[in-house]
N, C-alpha and C. Protein backbone atom coordinates (compact mmCIF):
# COMPACT_ATOMS: atom_id res chain seq x y z
N MET A 1 0.85 -1.18 0.00
CA MET A 1 0.00 0.00 0.00
C MET A 1 0.89 1.24 0.00
N HIS A 2 0.36 2.29 -0.64
CA HIS A 2 1.08 3.55 -0.76
C HIS A 2 0.21 4.69 -0.24
N CYS A 3 0.85 5.69 0.34
CA CYS A 3 0.16 6.89 0.77
C CYS A 3 0.20 7.89 -0.38
N HIS A 4 -0.98 8.36 -0.80
CA HIS A 4 -1.06 9.31 -1.91
C HIS A 4 -1.59 10.64 -1.41
N GLU A 5 -0.96 11.71 -1.84
CA GLU A 5 -1.35 13.05 -1.44
C GLU A 5 -2.44 13.58 -2.37
N VAL A 6 -3.38 14.31 -1.78
CA VAL A 6 -4.48 14.92 -2.54
C VAL A 6 -4.41 16.42 -2.34
N PHE A 7 -4.30 17.15 -3.45
CA PHE A 7 -4.16 18.60 -3.40
C PHE A 7 -5.35 19.30 -4.02
N GLU A 8 -5.61 20.52 -3.54
CA GLU A 8 -6.50 21.46 -4.20
C GLU A 8 -5.63 22.59 -4.72
N TYR A 9 -6.03 23.15 -5.82
CA TYR A 9 -5.29 24.26 -6.42
C TYR A 9 -6.19 25.48 -6.45
N ARG A 10 -5.74 26.55 -5.82
CA ARG A 10 -6.54 27.77 -5.75
C ARG A 10 -5.77 28.91 -6.39
N ASP A 11 -6.51 29.75 -7.07
CA ASP A 11 -5.91 30.91 -7.72
C ASP A 11 -5.38 31.86 -6.67
N PRO A 12 -4.33 32.56 -6.93
CA PRO A 12 -3.55 32.44 -8.17
C PRO A 12 -2.47 31.37 -8.11
N ASP A 13 -2.01 31.01 -6.87
CA ASP A 13 -0.84 30.14 -6.82
C ASP A 13 -0.78 29.24 -5.59
N GLN A 14 -1.93 28.89 -5.03
CA GLN A 14 -1.93 28.07 -3.83
C GLN A 14 -2.16 26.60 -4.16
N GLN A 15 -1.25 25.76 -3.68
CA GLN A 15 -1.38 24.31 -3.77
C GLN A 15 -1.54 23.83 -2.33
N ILE A 16 -2.71 23.27 -2.02
CA ILE A 16 -3.05 22.96 -0.64
C ILE A 16 -3.27 21.47 -0.47
N LEU A 17 -2.51 20.87 0.43
CA LEU A 17 -2.71 19.46 0.76
C LEU A 17 -4.01 19.35 1.56
N VAL A 18 -4.96 18.57 1.03
CA VAL A 18 -6.26 18.48 1.69
C VAL A 18 -6.58 17.08 2.21
N ASP A 19 -5.80 16.09 1.77
CA ASP A 19 -6.09 14.73 2.23
C ASP A 19 -4.93 13.81 1.87
N LEU A 20 -4.92 12.67 2.52
CA LEU A 20 -4.02 11.58 2.19
C LEU A 20 -4.88 10.35 1.98
N SER A 21 -4.55 9.55 0.99
CA SER A 21 -5.33 8.34 0.74
C SER A 21 -4.40 7.16 0.59
N CYS A 22 -4.92 6.00 0.88
CA CYS A 22 -4.16 4.77 0.79
C CYS A 22 -4.53 4.08 -0.52
N LEU A 23 -3.53 3.81 -1.36
CA LEU A 23 -3.75 3.18 -2.66
C LEU A 23 -2.87 1.96 -2.80
N CYS A 24 -3.37 0.99 -3.56
CA CYS A 24 -2.51 -0.15 -3.90
C CYS A 24 -1.41 0.33 -4.83
N THR A 25 -0.38 -0.47 -4.99
CA THR A 25 0.76 -0.10 -5.82
C THR A 25 0.34 0.26 -7.23
N ASN A 26 -0.53 -0.54 -7.84
CA ASN A 26 -0.95 -0.28 -9.22
C ASN A 26 -1.73 1.02 -9.34
N CYS A 27 -2.64 1.28 -8.42
CA CYS A 27 -3.42 2.52 -8.48
C CYS A 27 -2.53 3.73 -8.24
N HIS A 28 -1.57 3.62 -7.35
CA HIS A 28 -0.66 4.74 -7.11
C HIS A 28 0.19 5.02 -8.34
N GLU A 29 0.56 3.97 -9.03
CA GLU A 29 1.33 4.15 -10.27
C GLU A 29 0.50 4.88 -11.33
N VAL A 30 -0.78 4.57 -11.40
CA VAL A 30 -1.67 5.27 -12.34
C VAL A 30 -1.79 6.75 -11.95
N LYS A 31 -1.90 7.03 -10.66
CA LYS A 31 -1.99 8.42 -10.21
C LYS A 31 -0.74 9.22 -10.59
N HIS A 32 0.40 8.53 -10.67
CA HIS A 32 1.66 9.17 -11.07
C HIS A 32 2.10 8.59 -12.42
N TYR A 33 1.20 8.72 -13.38
CA TYR A 33 1.39 8.12 -14.71
C TYR A 33 2.66 8.62 -15.39
N GLY A 34 2.95 9.88 -15.22
CA GLY A 34 4.17 10.44 -15.82
C GLY A 34 5.41 9.74 -15.30
N ARG A 35 5.46 9.51 -14.01
CA ARG A 35 6.60 8.79 -13.43
C ARG A 35 6.64 7.35 -13.96
N ALA A 36 5.47 6.72 -14.05
CA ALA A 36 5.42 5.35 -14.58
C ALA A 36 6.01 5.31 -15.98
N THR A 37 5.73 6.33 -16.77
CA THR A 37 6.28 6.40 -18.12
C THR A 37 7.80 6.52 -18.09
N VAL A 38 8.30 7.38 -17.22
CA VAL A 38 9.75 7.60 -17.12
C VAL A 38 10.50 6.35 -16.69
N VAL A 39 9.90 5.55 -15.81
CA VAL A 39 10.59 4.36 -15.30
C VAL A 39 10.27 3.11 -16.12
N GLY A 40 9.60 3.30 -17.27
CA GLY A 40 9.35 2.18 -18.17
C GLY A 40 8.17 1.31 -17.83
N ARG A 41 7.19 1.88 -17.10
CA ARG A 41 6.01 1.08 -16.71
C ARG A 41 4.71 1.67 -17.25
N GLU A 42 4.80 2.42 -18.34
CA GLU A 42 3.60 3.04 -18.90
C GLU A 42 2.57 2.00 -19.34
N GLU A 43 3.01 0.94 -19.98
CA GLU A 43 2.08 -0.07 -20.47
C GLU A 43 1.32 -0.71 -19.31
N GLU A 44 2.02 -1.03 -18.22
CA GLU A 44 1.36 -1.62 -17.05
C GLU A 44 0.36 -0.64 -16.44
N ALA A 45 0.75 0.62 -16.35
CA ALA A 45 -0.14 1.64 -15.79
C ALA A 45 -1.38 1.80 -16.67
N LYS A 46 -1.17 1.82 -17.98
CA LYS A 46 -2.30 1.98 -18.91
C LYS A 46 -3.26 0.79 -18.80
N GLU A 47 -2.71 -0.42 -18.74
CA GLU A 47 -3.55 -1.60 -18.62
C GLU A 47 -4.37 -1.59 -17.33
N TRP A 48 -3.74 -1.16 -16.23
CA TRP A 48 -4.46 -1.10 -14.96
C TRP A 48 -5.55 -0.04 -15.00
N LEU A 49 -5.23 1.13 -15.57
CA LEU A 49 -6.21 2.20 -15.71
C LEU A 49 -7.43 1.72 -16.48
N GLN A 50 -7.20 1.00 -17.55
CA GLN A 50 -8.29 0.46 -18.35
C GLN A 50 -9.10 -0.57 -17.56
N LYS A 51 -8.40 -1.44 -16.86
CA LYS A 51 -9.08 -2.53 -16.14
C LYS A 51 -9.99 -2.00 -15.04
N VAL A 52 -9.48 -1.12 -14.17
CA VAL A 52 -10.28 -0.67 -13.02
C VAL A 52 -11.42 0.24 -13.43
N ASN A 53 -11.33 0.87 -14.61
CA ASN A 53 -12.40 1.75 -15.08
C ASN A 53 -13.27 1.14 -16.17
N SER A 54 -12.94 -0.10 -16.57
CA SER A 54 -13.63 -0.76 -17.68
C SER A 54 -13.61 0.11 -18.94
N TRP A 55 -12.44 0.68 -19.21
CA TRP A 55 -12.25 1.54 -20.37
C TRP A 55 -11.56 0.79 -21.49
N ASN A 56 -11.83 1.23 -22.70
CA ASN A 56 -11.06 0.73 -23.84
C ASN A 56 -9.82 1.61 -23.99
N GLU A 57 -8.98 1.27 -24.95
CA GLU A 57 -7.73 2.00 -25.11
C GLU A 57 -7.96 3.47 -25.45
N PHE A 58 -8.97 3.75 -26.26
CA PHE A 58 -9.27 5.14 -26.63
C PHE A 58 -9.66 5.95 -25.40
N GLU A 59 -10.51 5.41 -24.54
CA GLU A 59 -10.94 6.12 -23.34
C GLU A 59 -9.76 6.38 -22.40
N ALA A 60 -8.89 5.40 -22.26
CA ALA A 60 -7.71 5.58 -21.41
C ALA A 60 -6.78 6.65 -21.98
N GLN A 61 -6.60 6.64 -23.28
CA GLN A 61 -5.73 7.63 -23.93
C GLN A 61 -6.32 9.04 -23.78
N GLU A 62 -7.62 9.16 -23.93
CA GLU A 62 -8.28 10.45 -23.78
C GLU A 62 -8.10 10.99 -22.36
N HIS A 63 -8.28 10.13 -21.37
CA HIS A 63 -8.09 10.52 -19.97
C HIS A 63 -6.64 10.95 -19.72
N LYS A 64 -5.70 10.19 -20.25
CA LYS A 64 -4.29 10.51 -20.07
C LYS A 64 -3.97 11.88 -20.65
N LEU A 65 -4.48 12.18 -21.83
CA LEU A 65 -4.22 13.47 -22.46
C LEU A 65 -4.81 14.61 -21.65
N GLU A 66 -6.02 14.44 -21.12
CA GLU A 66 -6.63 15.46 -20.26
C GLU A 66 -5.76 15.73 -19.04
N CYS A 67 -5.27 14.67 -18.42
CA CYS A 67 -4.43 14.81 -17.22
C CYS A 67 -3.11 15.50 -17.54
N PHE A 68 -2.49 15.15 -18.65
CA PHE A 68 -1.22 15.78 -19.00
C PHE A 68 -1.41 17.24 -19.38
N LEU A 69 -2.52 17.59 -20.01
CA LEU A 69 -2.80 19.00 -20.31
C LEU A 69 -2.94 19.80 -19.02
N LYS A 70 -3.66 19.23 -18.04
CA LYS A 70 -3.81 19.88 -16.74
C LYS A 70 -2.45 20.03 -16.07
N TRP A 71 -1.63 18.98 -16.13
CA TRP A 71 -0.30 19.03 -15.52
C TRP A 71 0.55 20.12 -16.17
N HIS A 72 0.49 20.22 -17.51
CA HIS A 72 1.29 21.25 -18.21
C HIS A 72 0.86 22.65 -17.79
N ARG A 73 -0.43 22.89 -17.65
CA ARG A 73 -0.91 24.21 -17.21
C ARG A 73 -0.42 24.49 -15.78
N ARG A 74 -0.57 23.51 -14.91
CA ARG A 74 -0.17 23.71 -13.51
C ARG A 74 1.33 23.83 -13.35
N ASN A 75 2.08 23.18 -14.21
CA ASN A 75 3.53 23.17 -14.09
C ASN A 75 4.15 24.54 -14.41
N LYS A 76 3.39 25.45 -14.99
CA LYS A 76 3.89 26.78 -15.32
C LYS A 76 3.81 27.73 -14.13
N ILE A 77 3.18 27.30 -13.06
CA ILE A 77 2.95 28.17 -11.90
C ILE A 77 3.94 27.83 -10.79
N ASN A 78 4.46 28.87 -10.17
CA ASN A 78 5.34 28.70 -9.01
C ASN A 78 4.45 28.65 -7.77
N TRP A 79 4.05 27.43 -7.39
CA TRP A 79 3.06 27.23 -6.34
C TRP A 79 3.59 27.56 -4.95
N GLN A 80 2.70 28.11 -4.14
CA GLN A 80 2.95 28.27 -2.72
C GLN A 80 2.30 27.06 -2.05
N LEU A 81 3.12 26.19 -1.48
CA LEU A 81 2.65 24.93 -0.93
C LEU A 81 2.16 25.08 0.50
N ASP A 82 0.95 24.65 0.75
CA ASP A 82 0.36 24.68 2.08
C ASP A 82 0.15 23.23 2.53
N ILE A 83 0.94 22.81 3.51
CA ILE A 83 0.81 21.44 4.04
C ILE A 83 0.35 21.47 5.50
N SER A 84 -0.36 22.52 5.85
CA SER A 84 -0.84 22.64 7.23
C SER A 84 -1.77 21.48 7.62
N TYR A 85 -2.33 20.80 6.65
CA TYR A 85 -3.15 19.61 6.89
C TYR A 85 -2.40 18.60 7.77
N LEU A 86 -1.10 18.52 7.60
CA LEU A 86 -0.29 17.54 8.34
C LEU A 86 -0.18 17.87 9.83
N HIS A 87 -0.44 19.09 10.19
CA HIS A 87 -0.32 19.48 11.60
C HIS A 87 -1.25 18.69 12.50
N LYS A 88 -2.41 18.32 12.00
CA LYS A 88 -3.33 17.57 12.85
C LYS A 88 -2.78 16.19 13.20
N PHE A 89 -1.91 15.66 12.37
CA PHE A 89 -1.26 14.38 12.67
C PHE A 89 -0.05 14.57 13.57
N MET A 90 0.65 15.66 13.38
CA MET A 90 1.89 15.91 14.11
C MET A 90 1.61 16.26 15.57
N LYS A 91 0.54 16.95 15.88
CA LYS A 91 0.30 17.35 17.26
C LYS A 91 0.04 16.16 18.17
N ASP A 92 -0.40 15.05 17.60
CA ASP A 92 -0.62 13.85 18.40
C ASP A 92 0.66 13.07 18.67
N THR A 93 1.71 13.37 17.92
CA THR A 93 2.96 12.61 18.06
C THR A 93 4.04 13.39 18.81
N VAL A 94 3.82 14.66 19.08
CA VAL A 94 4.84 15.49 19.73
C VAL A 94 4.72 15.41 21.22
């Protein structure tokens, strides 16, 4: 199992951690599809994406393109990262 971060993006430049979720290895790889591609696991990620969503190859490709377009737009912004969400976990351990 992997811990996956969930962010909200607010104008003009706020990236806010709003949740953490537990994902299996395959689902986490799909969430980080770009990394899967870089490490040579794109085909496995694509197959898993199709399987869990009951998508054909065209639907998976369309989803991937939408996600990469969103990533390209967001990647142009110098985000101010807000991880104050983690404080609620840290106060119990200090």
